[in-house]
Structure formats: structure tokens, C-alpha cells
PDB file of N, CA and C in Angstrom:
ATOM      1  N   MET A   1     -46.237 -78.751-238.728  1.00  0.00           N
ATOM      2  CA  MET A   1     -46.314 -78.274-240.083  1.00  0.00           C
ATOM      3  C   MET A   1     -45.717 -79.332-241.001  1.00  0.00           C
ATOM      4  N   ALA A   2     -46.381 -79.584-242.089  1.00  0.00           N
ATOM      5  CA  ALA A   2     -45.911 -80.592-243.034  1.00  0.00           C
ATOM      6  C   ALA A   2     -44.889 -79.989-243.983  1.00  0.00           C
ATOM      7  N   CYS A   3     -43.916 -80.758-244.299  1.00  0.00           N
ATOM      8  CA  CYS A   3     -42.931 -80.373-245.302  1.00  0.00           C
ATOM      9  C   CYS A   3     -43.331 -81.127-246.566  1.00  0.00           C
ATOM     10  N   LYS A   4     -44.050 -80.461-247.467  1.00  0.00           N
ATOM     11  CA  LYS A   4     -44.662 -81.130-248.611  1.00  0.00           C
ATOM     12  C   LYS A   4     -43.636 -81.765-249.543  1.00  0.00           C
ATOM     13  N   ARG A   5     -42.497 -81.121-249.725  1.00  0.00           N
ATOM     14  CA  ARG A   5     -41.514 -81.653-250.667  1.00  0.00           C
ATOM     15  C   ARG A   5     -40.955 -82.992-250.221  1.00  0.00           C
ATOM     16  N   GLU A   6     -40.855 -83.209-248.937  1.00  0.00           N
ATOM     17  CA  GLU A   6     -40.257 -84.443-248.446  1.00  0.00           C
ATOM     18  C   GLU A   6     -41.287 -85.365-247.815  1.00  0.00           C
ATOM     19  N   ASN A   7     -42.570 -84.983-247.865  1.00  0.00           N
ATOM     20  CA  ASN A   7     -43.672 -85.800-247.380  1.00  0.00           C
ATOM     21  C   ASN A   7     -43.446 -86.284-245.947  1.00  0.00           C
ATOM     22  N   ARG A   8     -43.133 -85.352-245.051  1.00  0.00           N
ATOM     23  CA  ARG A   8     -42.964 -85.700-243.651  1.00  0.00           C
ATOM     24  C   ARG A   8     -43.488 -84.560-242.788  1.00  0.00           C
ATOM     25  N   PHE A   9     -43.704 -84.864-241.535  1.00  0.00           N
ATOM     26  CA  PHE A   9     -44.228 -83.880-240.603  1.00  0.00           C
ATOM     27  C   PHE A   9     -43.191 -83.590-239.531  1.00  0.00           C
ATOM     28  N   ARG A  10     -43.180 -82.355-239.096  1.00  0.00           N
ATOM     29  CA  ARG A  10     -42.288 -81.952-238.002  1.00  0.00           C
ATOM     30  C   ARG A  10     -43.162 -81.429-236.879  1.00  0.00           C
ATOM     31  N   HIS A  11     -43.283 -82.201-235.814  1.00  0.00           N
ATOM     32  CA  HIS A  11     -44.167 -81.855-234.709  1.00  0.00           C
ATOM     33  C   HIS A  11     -43.428 -81.288-233.508  1.00  0.00           C
ATOM     34  N   ASN A  12     -42.125 -81.200-233.555  1.00  0.00           N
ATOM     35  CA  ASN A  12     -41.348 -80.792-232.390  1.00  0.00           C
ATOM     36  C   ASN A  12     -40.820 -79.373-232.543  1.00  0.00           C
ATOM     37  N   THR A  13     -40.724 -78.685-231.415  1.00  0.00           N
ATOM     38  CA  THR A  13     -40.202 -77.328-231.382  1.00  0.00           C
ATOM     39  C   THR A  13     -39.000 -77.284-230.456  1.00  0.00           C
ATOM     40  N   ILE A  14     -37.965 -76.597-230.885  1.00  0.00           N
ATOM     41  CA  ILE A  14     -36.795 -76.362-230.042  1.00  0.00           C
ATOM     42  C   ILE A  14     -36.666 -74.855-229.898  1.00  0.00           C
ATOM     43  N   ALA A  15     -36.473 -74.392-228.667  1.00  0.00           N
ATOM     44  CA  ALA A  15     -36.357 -72.955-228.419  1.00  0.00           C
ATOM     45  C   ALA A  15     -35.153 -72.673-227.533  1.00  0.00           C
ATOM     46  N   PHE A  16     -34.593 -71.493-227.669  1.00  0.00           N
ATOM     47  CA  PHE A  16     -33.484 -71.067-226.824  1.00  0.00           C
ATOM     48  C   PHE A  16     -33.484 -69.549-226.755  1.00  0.00           C
ATOM     49  N   TRP A  17     -32.790 -69.021-225.766  1.00  0.00           N
ATOM     50  CA  TRP A  17     -32.749 -67.583-225.530  1.00  0.00           C
ATOM     51  C   TRP A  17     -31.503 -66.975-226.154  1.00  0.00           C
ATOM     52  N   LEU A  18     -31.663 -65.755-226.723  1.00  0.00           N
ATOM     53  CA  LEU A  18     -30.554 -65.001-227.290  1.00  0.00           C
ATOM     54  C   LEU A  18     -30.611 -63.568-226.789  1.00  0.00           C
ATOM     55  N   SER A  19     -29.461 -62.939-226.708  1.00  0.00           N
ATOM     56  CA  SER A  19     -29.441 -61.503-226.420  1.00  0.00           C
ATOM     57  C   SER A  19     -29.861 -60.774-227.699  1.00  0.00           C
ATOM     58  N   ASP A  20     -30.140 -59.491-227.602  1.00  0.00           N
ATOM     59  CA  ASP A  20     -30.521 -58.713-228.787  1.00  0.00           C
ATOM     60  C   ASP A  20     -29.408 -58.730-229.834  1.00  0.00           C
ATOM     61  N   GLU A  21     -28.167 -58.653-229.373  1.00  0.00           N
ATOM     62  CA  GLU A  21     -27.029 -58.649-230.295  1.00  0.00           C
ATOM     63  C   GLU A  21     -26.897 -60.001-230.999  1.00  0.00           C
ATOM     64  N   GLU A  22     -27.052 -61.082-230.244  1.00  0.00           N
ATOM     65  CA  GLU A  22     -26.966 -62.416-230.836  1.00  0.00           C
ATOM     66  C   GLU A  22     -28.085 -62.634-231.846  1.00  0.00           C
ATOM     67  N   LYS A  23     -29.285 -62.173-231.507  1.00  0.00           N
ATOM     68  CA  LYS A  23     -30.427 -62.321-232.417  1.00  0.00           C
ATOM     69  C   LYS A  23     -30.167 -61.584-233.725  1.00  0.00           C
ATOM     70  N   SER A  24     -29.650 -60.363-233.632  1.00  0.00           N
ATOM     71  CA  SER A  24     -29.351 -59.585-234.838  1.00  0.00           C
ATOM     72  C   SER A  24     -28.307 -60.287-235.700  1.00  0.00           C
ATOM     73  N   GLU A  25     -27.294 -60.842-235.054  1.00  0.00           N
ATOM     74  CA  GLU A  25     -26.239 -61.542-235.787  1.00  0.00           C
ATOM     75  C   GLU A  25     -26.782 -62.786-236.486  1.00  0.00           C
ATOM     76  N   VAL A  26     -27.604 -63.562-235.786  1.00  0.00           N
ATOM     77  CA  VAL A  26     -28.185 -64.769-236.378  1.00  0.00           C
ATOM     78  C   VAL A  26     -29.101 -64.405-237.542  1.00  0.00           C
ATOM     79  N   GLU A  27     -29.939 -63.397-237.357  1.00  0.00           N
ATOM     80  CA  GLU A  27     -30.852 -62.998-238.432  1.00  0.00           C
ATOM     81  C   GLU A  27     -30.096 -62.503-239.659  1.00  0.00           C
ATOM     82  N   ALA A  28     -28.985 -61.804-239.454  1.00  0.00           N
ATOM     83  CA  ALA A  28     -28.171 -61.359-240.587  1.00  0.00           C
ATOM     84  C   ALA A  28     -27.600 -62.561-241.338  1.00  0.00           C
ATOM     85  N   LYS A  29     -27.143 -63.566-240.608  1.00  0.00           N
ATOM     86  CA  LYS A  29     -26.604 -64.773-241.245  1.00  0.00           C
ATOM     87  C   LYS A  29     -27.687 -65.523-242.013  1.00  0.00           C
ATOM     88  N   ILE A  30     -28.902 -65.538-241.463  1.00  0.00           N
ATOM     89  CA  ILE A  30     -30.014 -66.217-242.142  1.00  0.00           C
ATOM     90  C   ILE A  30     -30.321 -65.525-243.462  1.00  0.00           C
ATOM     91  N   ILE A  31     -30.373 -64.200-243.430  1.00  0.00           N
ATOM     92  CA  ILE A  31     -30.660 -63.437-244.653  1.00  0.00           C
ATOM     93  C   ILE A  31     -29.584 -63.701-245.702  1.00  0.00           C
ATOM     94  N   LEU A  32     -28.330 -63.686-245.285  1.00  0.00           N
ATOM     95  CA  LEU A  32     -27.225 -63.922-246.221  1.00  0.00           C
ATOM     96  C   LEU A  32     -27.215 -65.343-246.772  1.00  0.00           C
ATOM     97  N   SER A  33     -27.724 -66.297-246.000  1.00  0.00           N
ATOM     98  CA  SER A  33     -27.712 -67.694-246.440  1.00  0.00           C
ATOM     99  C   SER A  33     -28.707 -67.962-247.562  1.00  0.00           C
ATOM    100  N   GLY A  34     -29.801 -67.205-247.586  1.00  0.00           N
ATOM    101  CA  GLY A  34     -30.802 -67.399-248.632  1.00  0.00           C
ATOM    102  C   GLY A  34     -31.763 -68.549-248.391  1.00  0.00           C
ATOM    103  N   VAL A  35     -31.738 -69.143-247.209  1.00  0.00           N
ATOM    104  CA  VAL A  35     -32.675 -70.221-246.887  1.00  0.00           C
ATOM    105  C   VAL A  35     -33.632 -69.751-245.799  1.00  0.00           C
ATOM    106  N   SER A  36     -34.679 -70.519-245.570  1.00  0.00           N
ATOM    107  CA  SER A  36     -35.650 -70.156-244.533  1.00  0.00           C
ATOM    108  C   SER A  36     -35.015 -70.279-243.150  1.00  0.00           C
ATOM    109  N   LYS A  37     -35.636 -69.635-242.159  1.00  0.00           N
ATOM    110  CA  LYS A  37     -35.117 -69.712-240.793  1.00  0.00           C
ATOM    111  C   LYS A  37     -35.061 -71.156-240.309  1.00  0.00           C
ATOM    112  N   GLY A  38     -36.149 -71.894-240.536  1.00  0.00           N
ATOM    113  CA  GLY A  38     -36.195 -73.281-240.087  1.00  0.00           C
ATOM    114  C   GLY A  38     -35.089 -74.114-240.703  1.00  0.00           C
ATOM    115  N   GLU A  39     -34.899 -73.963-242.004  1.00  0.00           N
ATOM    116  CA  GLU A  39     -33.861 -74.728-242.697  1.00  0.00           C
ATOM    117  C   GLU A  39     -32.474 -74.319-242.205  1.00  0.00           C
ATOM    118  N   TYR A  40     -32.279 -73.021-241.980  1.00  0.00           N
ATOM    119  CA  TYR A  40     -30.987 -72.535-241.475  1.00  0.00           C
ATOM    120  C   TYR A  40     -30.678 -73.151-240.118  1.00  0.00           C
ATOM    121  N   TYR A  41     -31.666 -73.128-239.211  1.00  0.00           N
ATOM    122  CA  TYR A  41     -31.449 -73.695-237.877  1.00  0.00           C
ATOM    123  C   TYR A  41     -31.204 -75.200-237.945  1.00  0.00           C
ATOM    124  N   ARG A  42     -32.004 -75.914-238.761  1.00  0.00           N
ATOM    125  CA  ARG A  42     -31.806 -77.361-238.888  1.00  0.00           C
ATOM    126  C   ARG A  42     -30.401 -77.681-239.387  1.00  0.00           C
ATOM    127  N   LYS A  43     -29.982 -76.999-240.449  1.00  0.00           N
ATOM    128  CA  LYS A  43     -28.651 -77.262-241.000  1.00  0.00           C
ATOM    129  C   LYS A  43     -27.560 -76.878-240.007  1.00  0.00           C
ATOM    130  N   SER A  44     -27.759 -75.769-239.311  1.00  0.00           N
ATOM    131  CA  SER A  44     -26.756 -75.329-238.333  1.00  0.00           C
ATOM    132  C   SER A  44     -26.585 -76.354-237.226  1.00  0.00           C
ATOM    133  N   VAL A  45     -27.679 -76.906-236.767  1.00  0.00           N
ATOM    134  CA  VAL A  45     -27.618 -77.856-235.654  1.00  0.00           C
ATOM    135  C   VAL A  45     -27.188 -79.241-236.118  1.00  0.00           C
ATOM    136  N   LEU A  46     -27.760 -79.732-237.201  1.00  0.00           N
ATOM    137  CA  LEU A  46     -27.521 -81.109-237.616  1.00  0.00           C
ATOM    138  C   LEU A  46     -26.214 -81.311-238.376  1.00  0.00           C
ATOM    139  N   GLU A  47     -25.720 -80.278-239.039  1.00  0.00           N
ATOM    140  CA  GLU A  47     -24.519 -80.443-239.857  1.00  0.00           C
ATOM    141  C   GLU A  47     -23.279 -79.829-239.222  1.00  0.00           C
ATOM    142  N   GLN A  48     -23.434 -79.226-238.067  1.00  0.00           N
ATOM    143  CA  GLN A  48     -22.309 -78.586-237.388  1.00  0.00           C
ATOM    144  C   GLN A  48     -21.518 -79.613-236.594  1.00  0.00           C
ATOM    145  N   GLU A  49     -20.211 -79.599-236.735  1.00  0.00           N
ATOM    146  CA  GLU A  49     -19.372 -80.499-235.945  1.00  0.00           C
ATOM    147  C   GLU A  49     -19.182 -79.887-234.564  1.00  0.00           C
ATOM    148  N   ILE A  50     -19.443 -80.673-233.548  1.00  0.00           N
ATOM    149  CA  ILE A  50     -19.330 -80.219-232.169  1.00  0.00           C
ATOM    150  C   ILE A  50     -18.153 -80.935-231.520  1.00  0.00           C
ATOM    151  N   LYS A  51     -17.286 -80.181-230.889  1.00  0.00           N
ATOM    152  CA  LYS A  51     -16.156 -80.777-230.172  1.00  0.00           C
ATOM    153  C   LYS A  51     -16.470 -80.707-228.688  1.00  0.00           C
ATOM    154  N   VAL A  52     -16.524 -81.864-228.059  1.00  0.00           N
ATOM    155  CA  VAL A  52     -16.851 -81.953-226.643  1.00  0.00           C
ATOM    156  C   VAL A  52     -15.572 -82.212-225.862  1.00  0.00           C
ATOM    157  N   VAL A  53     -15.332 -81.390-224.874  1.00  0.00           N
ATOM    158  CA  VAL A  53     -14.194 -81.584-223.985  1.00  0.00           C
ATOM    159  C   VAL A  53     -14.767 -82.037-222.658  1.00  0.00           C
ATOM    160  N   SER A  54     -14.376 -83.223-222.245  1.00  0.00           N
ATOM    161  CA  SER A  54     -14.989 -83.778-221.040  1.00  0.00           C
ATOM    162  C   SER A  54     -13.940 -84.145-220.008  1.00  0.00           C
ATOM    163  N   GLY A  55     -14.394 -84.178-218.782  1.00  0.00           N
ATOM    164  CA  GLY A  55     -13.547 -84.625-217.684  1.00  0.00           C
ATOM    165  C   GLY A  55     -13.759 -86.106-217.448  1.00  0.00           C
ATOM    166  N   ASN A  56     -13.201 -86.612-216.379  1.00  0.00           N
ATOM    167  CA  ASN A  56     -13.309 -88.042-216.074  1.00  0.00           C
ATOM    168  C   ASN A  56     -14.749 -88.484-215.881  1.00  0.00           C
ATOM    169  N   TYR A  57     -15.558 -87.666-215.184  1.00  0.00           N
ATOM    170  CA  TYR A  57     -16.946 -88.037-214.918  1.00  0.00           C
ATOM    171  C   TYR A  57     -17.725 -88.171-216.221  1.00  0.00           C
ATOM    172  N   MET A  58     -17.595 -87.184-217.104  1.00  0.00           N
ATOM    173  CA  MET A  58     -18.322 -87.214-218.368  1.00  0.00           C
ATOM    174  C   MET A  58     -17.841 -88.372-219.232  1.00  0.00           C
ATOM    175  N   SER A  59     -16.560 -88.617-219.248  1.00  0.00           N
ATOM    176  CA  SER A  59     -16.016 -89.718-220.026  1.00  0.00           C
ATOM    177  C   SER A  59     -16.538 -91.061-219.517  1.00  0.00           C
ATOM    178  N   PHE A  60     -16.628 -91.202-218.206  1.00  0.00           N
ATOM    179  CA  PHE A  60     -17.155 -92.430-217.612  1.00  0.00           C
ATOM    180  C   PHE A  60     -18.618 -92.626-218.008  1.00  0.00           C
ATOM    181  N   ARG A  61     -19.422 -91.555-217.931  1.00  0.00           N
ATOM    182  CA  ARG A  61     -20.835 -91.641-218.319  1.00  0.00           C
ATOM    183  C   ARG A  61     -20.970 -92.000-219.790  1.00  0.00           C
ATOM    184  N   LEU A  62     -20.140 -91.407-220.624  1.00  0.00           N
ATOM    185  CA  LEU A  62     -20.166 -91.692-222.054  1.00  0.00           C
ATOM    186  C   LEU A  62     -19.858 -93.161-222.316  1.00  0.00           C
ATOM    187  N   SER A  63     -18.880 -93.707-221.624  1.00  0.00           N
ATOM    188  CA  SER A  63     -18.544 -95.118-221.829  1.00  0.00           C
ATOM    189  C   SER A  63     -19.689 -96.025-221.390  1.00  0.00           C
ATOM    190  N   LYS A  64     -20.417 -95.644-220.332  1.00  0.00           N
ATOM    191  CA  LYS A  64     -21.567 -96.439-219.876  1.00  0.00           C
ATOM    192  C   LYS A  64     -22.691 -96.413-220.914  1.00  0.00           C
ATOM    193  N   VAL A  65     -22.934 -95.248-221.510  1.00  0.00           N
ATOM    194  CA  VAL A  65     -23.960 -95.142-222.555  1.00  0.00           C
ATOM    195  C   VAL A  65     -23.563 -96.000-223.750  1.00  0.00           C
ATOM    196  N   LEU A  66     -22.297 -95.956-224.132  1.00  0.00           N
ATOM    197  CA  LEU A  66     -21.818 -96.782-225.239  1.00  0.00           C
ATOM    198  C   LEU A  66     -22.014 -98.266-224.952  1.00  0.00           C
ATOM    199  N   GLU A  67     -21.719 -98.676-223.737  1.00  0.00           N
ATOM    200  CA  GLU A  67     -21.900-100.081-223.366  1.00  0.00           C
ATOM    201  C   GLU A  67     -23.364-100.493-223.462  1.00  0.00           C
ATOM    202  N   ARG A  68     -24.287 -99.621-223.008  1.00  0.00           N
ATOM    203  CA  ARG A  68     -25.722 -99.949-223.084  1.00  0.00           C
ATOM    204  C   ARG A  68     -26.190-100.054-224.529  1.00  0.00           C
ATOM    205  N   ILE A  69     -25.717 -99.147-225.387  1.00  0.00           N
ATOM    206  CA  ILE A  69     -26.102 -99.199-226.800  1.00  0.00           C
ATOM    207  C   ILE A  69     -25.574-100.477-227.439  1.00  0.00           C
ATOM    208  N   CYS A  70     -24.318-100.810-227.172  1.00  0.00           N
ATOM    209  CA  CYS A  70     -23.743-102.053-227.719  1.00  0.00           C
ATOM    210  C   CYS A  70     -24.526-103.270-227.247  1.00  0.00           C
ATOM    211  N   GLU A  71     -24.906-103.267-225.980  1.00  0.00           N
ATOM    212  CA  GLU A  71     -25.680-104.374-225.419  1.00  0.00           C
ATOM    213  C   GLU A  71     -27.031-104.504-226.128  1.00  0.00           C
ATOM    214  N   GLU A  72     -27.718-103.388-226.341  1.00  0.00           N
ATOM    215  CA  GLU A  72     -29.007-103.405-227.047  1.00  0.00           C
ATOM    216  C   GLU A  72     -28.842-103.955-228.459  1.00  0.00           C
ATOM    217  N   LEU A  73     -27.797-103.515-229.142  1.00  0.00           N
ATOM    218  CA  LEU A  73     -27.571-103.975-230.514  1.00  0.00           C
ATOM    219  C   LEU A  73     -27.227-105.462-230.557  1.00  0.00           C
ATOM    220  N   HIS A  74     -26.427-105.932-229.618  1.00  0.00           N
ATOM    221  CA  HIS A  74     -26.060-107.354-229.586  1.00  0.00           C
ATOM    222  C   HIS A  74     -27.251-108.243-229.234  1.00  0.00           C
ATOM    223  N   ASN A  75     -28.135-107.756-228.369  1.00  0.00           N
ATOM    224  CA  ASN A  75     -29.311-108.536-227.977  1.00  0.00           C
ATOM    225  C   ASN A  75     -30.396-108.530-229.041  1.00  0.00           C
ATOM    226  N   GLY A  76     -30.321-107.587-229.972  1.00  0.00           N
ATOM    227  CA  GLY A  76     -31.325-107.506-231.025  1.00  0.00           C
ATOM    228  C   GLY A  76     -32.674-107.036-230.540  1.00  0.00           C
ATOM    229  N   ASN A  77     -32.729-106.364-229.397  1.00  0.00           N
ATOM    230  CA  ASN A  77     -33.992-105.889-228.835  1.00  0.00           C
ATOM    231  C   ASN A  77     -34.375-104.500-229.316  1.00  0.00           C
ATOM    232  N   SER A  78     -33.575-103.932-230.157  1.00  0.00           N
ATOM    233  CA  SER A  78     -33.785-102.538-230.529  1.00  0.00           C
ATOM    234  C   SER A  78     -34.806-102.381-231.646  1.00  0.00           C
ATOM    235  N   GLU A  79     -35.778-101.497-231.419  1.00  0.00           N
ATOM    236  CA  GLU A  79     -36.748-101.167-232.466  1.00  0.00           C
ATOM    237  C   GLU A  79     -36.138-100.151-233.431  1.00  0.00           C
ATOM    238  N   ASN A  80     -35.226 -99.338-232.939  1.00  0.00           N
ATOM    239  CA  ASN A  80     -34.604 -98.284-233.738  1.00  0.00           C
ATOM    240  C   ASN A  80     -33.124 -98.585-233.964  1.00  0.00           C
ATOM    241  N   GLU A  81     -32.844 -99.691-234.583  1.00  0.00           N
ATOM    242  CA  GLU A  81     -31.462-100.129-234.745  1.00  0.00           C
ATOM    243  C   GLU A  81     -30.629 -99.120-235.533  1.00  0.00           C
ATOM    244  N   GLN A  82     -31.191 -98.550-236.594  1.00  0.00           N
ATOM    245  CA  GLN A  82     -30.444 -97.573-237.398  1.00  0.00           C
ATOM    246  C   GLN A  82     -30.080 -96.343-236.582  1.00  0.00           C
ATOM    247  N   LEU A  83     -31.030 -95.873-235.761  1.00  0.00           N
ATOM    248  CA  LEU A  83     -30.773 -94.717-234.907  1.00  0.00           C
ATOM    249  C   LEU A  83     -29.686 -95.034-233.884  1.00  0.00           C
ATOM    250  N   LEU A  84     -29.754 -96.218-233.289  1.00  0.00           N
ATOM    251  CA  LEU A  84     -28.735 -96.611-232.315  1.00  0.00           C
ATOM    252  C   LEU A  84     -27.360 -96.736-232.963  1.00  0.00           C
ATOM    253  N   LEU A  85     -27.311 -97.273-234.168  1.00  0.00           N
ATOM    254  CA  LEU A  85     -26.027 -97.387-234.859  1.00  0.00           C
ATOM    255  C   LEU A  85     -25.438 -96.013-235.157  1.00  0.00           C
ATOM    256  N   ALA A  86     -26.276 -95.081-235.593  1.00  0.00           N
ATOM    257  CA  ALA A  86     -25.802 -93.720-235.859  1.00  0.00           C
ATOM    258  C   ALA A  86     -25.313 -93.065-234.576  1.00  0.00           C
ATOM    259  N   LEU A  87     -26.074 -93.239-233.492  1.00  0.00           N
ATOM    260  CA  LEU A  87     -25.684 -92.679-232.202  1.00  0.00           C
ATOM    261  C   LEU A  87     -24.388 -93.314-231.712  1.00  0.00           C
ATOM    262  N   LEU A  88     -24.265 -94.608-231.902  1.00  0.00           N
ATOM    263  CA  LEU A  88     -23.051 -95.319-231.491  1.00  0.00           C
ATOM    264  C   LEU A  88     -21.830 -94.761-232.217  1.00  0.00           C
ATOM    265  N   LYS A  89     -21.948 -94.526-233.519  1.00  0.00           N
ATOM    266  CA  LYS A  89     -20.831 -93.968-234.289  1.00  0.00           C
ATOM    267  C   LYS A  89     -20.441 -92.590-233.768  1.00  0.00           C
ATOM    268  N   GLU A  90     -21.446 -91.751-233.475  1.00  0.00           N
ATOM    269  CA  GLU A  90     -21.167 -90.411-232.948  1.00  0.00           C
ATOM    270  C   GLU A  90     -20.478 -90.487-231.590  1.00  0.00           C
ATOM    271  N   LEU A  91     -20.975 -91.349-230.717  1.00  0.00           N
ATOM    272  CA  LEU A  91     -20.400 -91.458-229.380  1.00  0.00           C
ATOM    273  C   LEU A  91     -18.982 -92.024-229.414  1.00  0.00           C
ATOM    274  N   ILE A  92     -18.731 -92.968-230.302  1.00  0.00           N
ATOM    275  CA  ILE A  92     -17.375 -93.509-230.432  1.00  0.00           C
ATOM    276  C   ILE A  92     -16.428 -92.419-230.917  1.00  0.00           C
ATOM    277  N   ALA A  93     -16.880 -91.606-231.863  1.00  0.00           N
ATOM    278  CA  ALA A  93     -16.049 -90.497-232.340  1.00  0.00           C
ATOM    279  C   ALA A  93     -15.756 -89.519-231.210  1.00  0.00           C
ATOM    280  N   LEU A  94     -16.764 -89.224-230.389  1.00  0.00           N
ATOM    281  CA  LEU A  94     -16.548 -88.341-229.241  1.00  0.00           C
ATOM    282  C   LEU A  94     -15.555 -88.952-228.270  1.00  0.00           C
ATOM    283  N   GLN A  95     -15.701 -90.244-228.025  1.00  0.00           N
ATOM    284  CA  GLN A  95     -14.814 -90.930-227.085  1.00  0.00           C
ATOM    285  C   GLN A  95     -13.374 -90.895-227.583  1.00  0.00           C
ATOM    286  N   LYS A  96     -13.176 -91.074-228.884  1.00  0.00           N
ATOM    287  CA  LYS A  96     -11.823 -91.054-229.442  1.00  0.00           C
ATOM    288  C   LYS A  96     -11.202 -89.669-229.357  1.00  0.00           C
ATOM    289  N   ASN A  97     -12.028 -88.624-229.397  1.00  0.00           N
ATOM    290  CA  ASN A  97     -11.526 -87.256-229.312  1.00  0.00           C
ATOM    291  C   ASN A  97     -11.324 -86.786-227.881  1.00  0.00           C
ATOM    292  N   ALA A  98     -11.698 -87.606-226.911  1.00  0.00           N
ATOM    293  CA  ALA A  98     -11.533 -87.225-225.501  1.00  0.00           C
ATOM    294  C   ALA A  98     -10.048 -87.183-225.165  1.00  0.00           C
ATOM    295  N   PRO A  99      -9.672 -86.364-224.182  1.00  0.00           N
ATOM    296  CA  PRO A  99      -8.268 -86.342-223.757  1.00  0.00           C
ATOM    297  C   PRO A  99      -7.799 -87.742-223.376  1.00  0.00           C
ATOM    298  N   ALA A 100      -6.528 -88.025-223.600  1.00  0.00           N
ATOM    299  CA  ALA A 100      -5.980 -89.379-223.429  1.00  0.00           C
ATOM    300  C   ALA A 100      -6.287 -89.984-222.070  1.00  0.00           C
ATOM    301  N   GLY A 101      -6.241 -89.210-221.012  1.00  0.00           N
ATOM    302  CA  GLY A 101      -6.499 -89.742-219.680  1.00  0.00           C
ATOM    303  C   GLY A 101      -7.947 -90.076-219.428  1.00  0.00           C
ATOM    304  N   ASN A 102      -8.844 -89.655-220.325  1.00  0.00           N
ATOM    305  CA  ASN A 102     -10.272 -89.857-220.120  1.00  0.00           C
ATOM    306  C   ASN A 102     -10.840 -91.010-220.925  1.00  0.00           C
ATOM    307  N   ARG A 103     -10.031 -91.724-221.662  1.00  0.00           N
ATOM    308  CA  ARG A 103     -10.535 -92.819-222.486  1.00  0.00           C
ATOM    309  C   ARG A 103     -10.565 -94.092-221.674  1.00  0.00           C
ATOM    310  N   ASP A 104     -11.746 -94.420-221.138  1.00  0.00           N
ATOM    311  CA  ASP A 104     -11.828 -95.651-220.362  1.00  0.00           C
ATOM    312  C   ASP A 104     -12.706 -96.691-221.033  1.00  0.00           C
ATOM    313  N   MET A 105     -13.139 -96.438-222.255  1.00  0.00           N
ATOM    314  CA  MET A 105     -13.937 -97.401-223.014  1.00  0.00           C
ATOM    315  C   MET A 105     -13.006 -98.451-223.600  1.00  0.00           C
ATOM    316  N   LYS A 106     -13.420 -99.703-223.531  1.00  0.00           N
ATOM    317  CA  LYS A 106     -12.624-100.782-224.119  1.00  0.00           C
ATOM    318  C   LYS A 106     -12.719-100.684-225.632  1.00  0.00           C
ATOM    319  N   GLU A 107     -11.599-100.563-226.303  1.00  0.00           N
ATOM    320  CA  GLU A 107     -11.618-100.396-227.761  1.00  0.00           C
ATOM    321  C   GLU A 107     -11.467-101.716-228.462  1.00  0.00           C
TER     322      GLU A 107
END
């Protein structure tokens, strides 16, 4: 479906399961917000701050992903440099919020 005001297309669908009680609660919040369901879900997902609590394994994987992104950016091979930079900033913020014993990324 095209979003005429912003001249862009949204071809992707995201779905998830809710209980009847959760669905009622979400629908009530949507009505109170005064925006469309799609806009409510987009804003809820994209503008919500998520706090990730990870163990050693997750922290290690996160540091490896950060290293690969840094490598791509340094090599200049990236077609989506802006996206990688945004992702890098998010991942660094997550890494900094990890418990002290889980920070194995070189700062």
C-alpha cells in the first residue's frame, strides 16, 4: 500500500499473536491515541526504547556483529552505509548498557 503523503511504498508485513485480553488492551490504546493502527504499531516499534539484558554468549555475538559492521564501513564496501552507521550506533548503545562482566568489545 502506498503512503501518498510521504511518496513511499510499504511492501512488508509484520504479524504476531496476542491473547484476547492483550488484543483488547492494544485496541483500546490505539483508539485513545487517535492515530491509525498501522501508524500506532510503527511508532510503538520504531520509537520505543528497548533494554536488552544479555549473558556472555549474547554479548560475544553482539561484539562479533559490531566488528563485522566496522570492517564493512572501513573497507568502504557497503551499499547501505547510512543503515550500517545507524545500526552500529544502536549496537554500541546496547553494548554499553550490557552488564559490566559482559562487555568484551574493544572500546
